[in-house]
Amino acid sequence: MQYIGRFSFSDHRRAKEASRARDECDLRNGHVPREEQRVANGVFSSFDIAASSIRRRRLIGD
């Protein structure tokens, strides 16, 4: 039978803290460029929010 575990917030928090610590160490020691790390850490972190805009399309007849 397959075992289905439970999500552990404390385990997740510890894993994220360890990941952030490794990222900081890699940046501090010059092992990885900041831009490369931003891209590797997530989809949304690589977006340039300052250069983006929100537009609304107008439908014909509005």
Protein backbone atom coordinates (compact mmCIF):
# COMPACT_ATOMS: atom_id res chain seq x y z
CA MET A 1 0.00 0.00 0.00
CA GLN A 2 1.22 3.50 -0.82
CA TYR A 3 1.89 5.80 2.14
CA ILE A 4 0.64 9.37 1.82
CA GLY A 5 2.46 11.70 4.16
CA ARG A 6 1.33 14.98 5.63
CA PHE A 7 2.70 18.37 4.81
CA SER A 8 4.87 19.68 7.62
CA PHE A 9 5.03 23.46 7.89
CA SER A 10 7.99 23.26 10.25
CA ASP A 11 9.95 20.97 7.88
CA HIS A 12 9.13 23.27 4.97
CA ARG A 13 10.23 26.34 6.96
CA ARG A 14 13.55 24.69 7.89
CA ALA A 15 14.17 23.68 4.27
CA LYS A 16 13.45 27.23 3.03
CA GLU A 17 15.73 28.74 5.69
CA ALA A 18 18.54 26.36 4.68
CA SER A 19 18.01 27.19 1.01
CA ARG A 20 18.13 30.93 1.68
CA ALA A 21 21.29 30.52 3.75
CA ARG A 22 22.96 28.59 0.88
CA ASP A 23 21.87 31.27 -1.58
CA GLU A 24 23.31 34.04 0.60
CA CYS A 25 26.58 32.16 1.03
CA ASP A 26 26.85 31.52 -2.73
CA LEU A 27 26.25 35.21 -3.47
CA ARG A 28 28.68 36.39 -0.79
CA ASN A 29 31.43 34.09 -2.05
CA GLY A 30 30.82 34.92 -5.72
CA HIS A 31 29.85 31.37 -6.69
CA VAL A 32 26.79 32.54 -8.60
CA PRO A 33 25.80 35.89 -10.15
CA ARG A 34 22.77 37.60 -8.57
CA GLU A 35 20.79 37.56 -11.85
CA GLU A 36 21.39 33.83 -12.33
CA GLN A 37 20.22 33.15 -8.80
CA ARG A 38 17.07 35.24 -9.29
CA VAL A 39 16.15 33.23 -12.37
CA ALA A 40 16.88 29.92 -10.65
CA ASN A 41 14.81 30.76 -7.57
CA GLY A 42 11.49 31.17 -9.27
CA VAL A 43 9.34 32.24 -12.14
CA PHE A 44 7.97 35.43 -10.64
CA SER A 45 11.25 36.60 -9.14
CA SER A 46 12.72 37.06 -12.60
CA PHE A 47 10.04 39.53 -13.77
CA ASP A 48 11.00 43.18 -13.92
CA ILE A 49 7.97 44.62 -12.12
CA ALA A 50 9.14 48.22 -12.54
CA ALA A 51 9.12 47.91 -16.33
CA SER A 52 5.73 46.20 -16.57
CA SER A 53 2.28 47.69 -17.00
CA ILE A 54 -1.31 46.56 -16.83
CA ARG A 55 -3.52 47.31 -19.81
CA ARG A 56 -7.19 46.81 -20.35
CA ARG A 57 -8.39 45.90 -23.81
CA ARG A 58 -11.41 47.80 -24.99
CA LEU A 59 -14.06 45.85 -26.80
CA ILE A 60 -15.71 47.30 -29.87
CA GLY A 61 -18.90 49.03 -28.80
CA ASP A 62 -17.73 50.01 -25.30
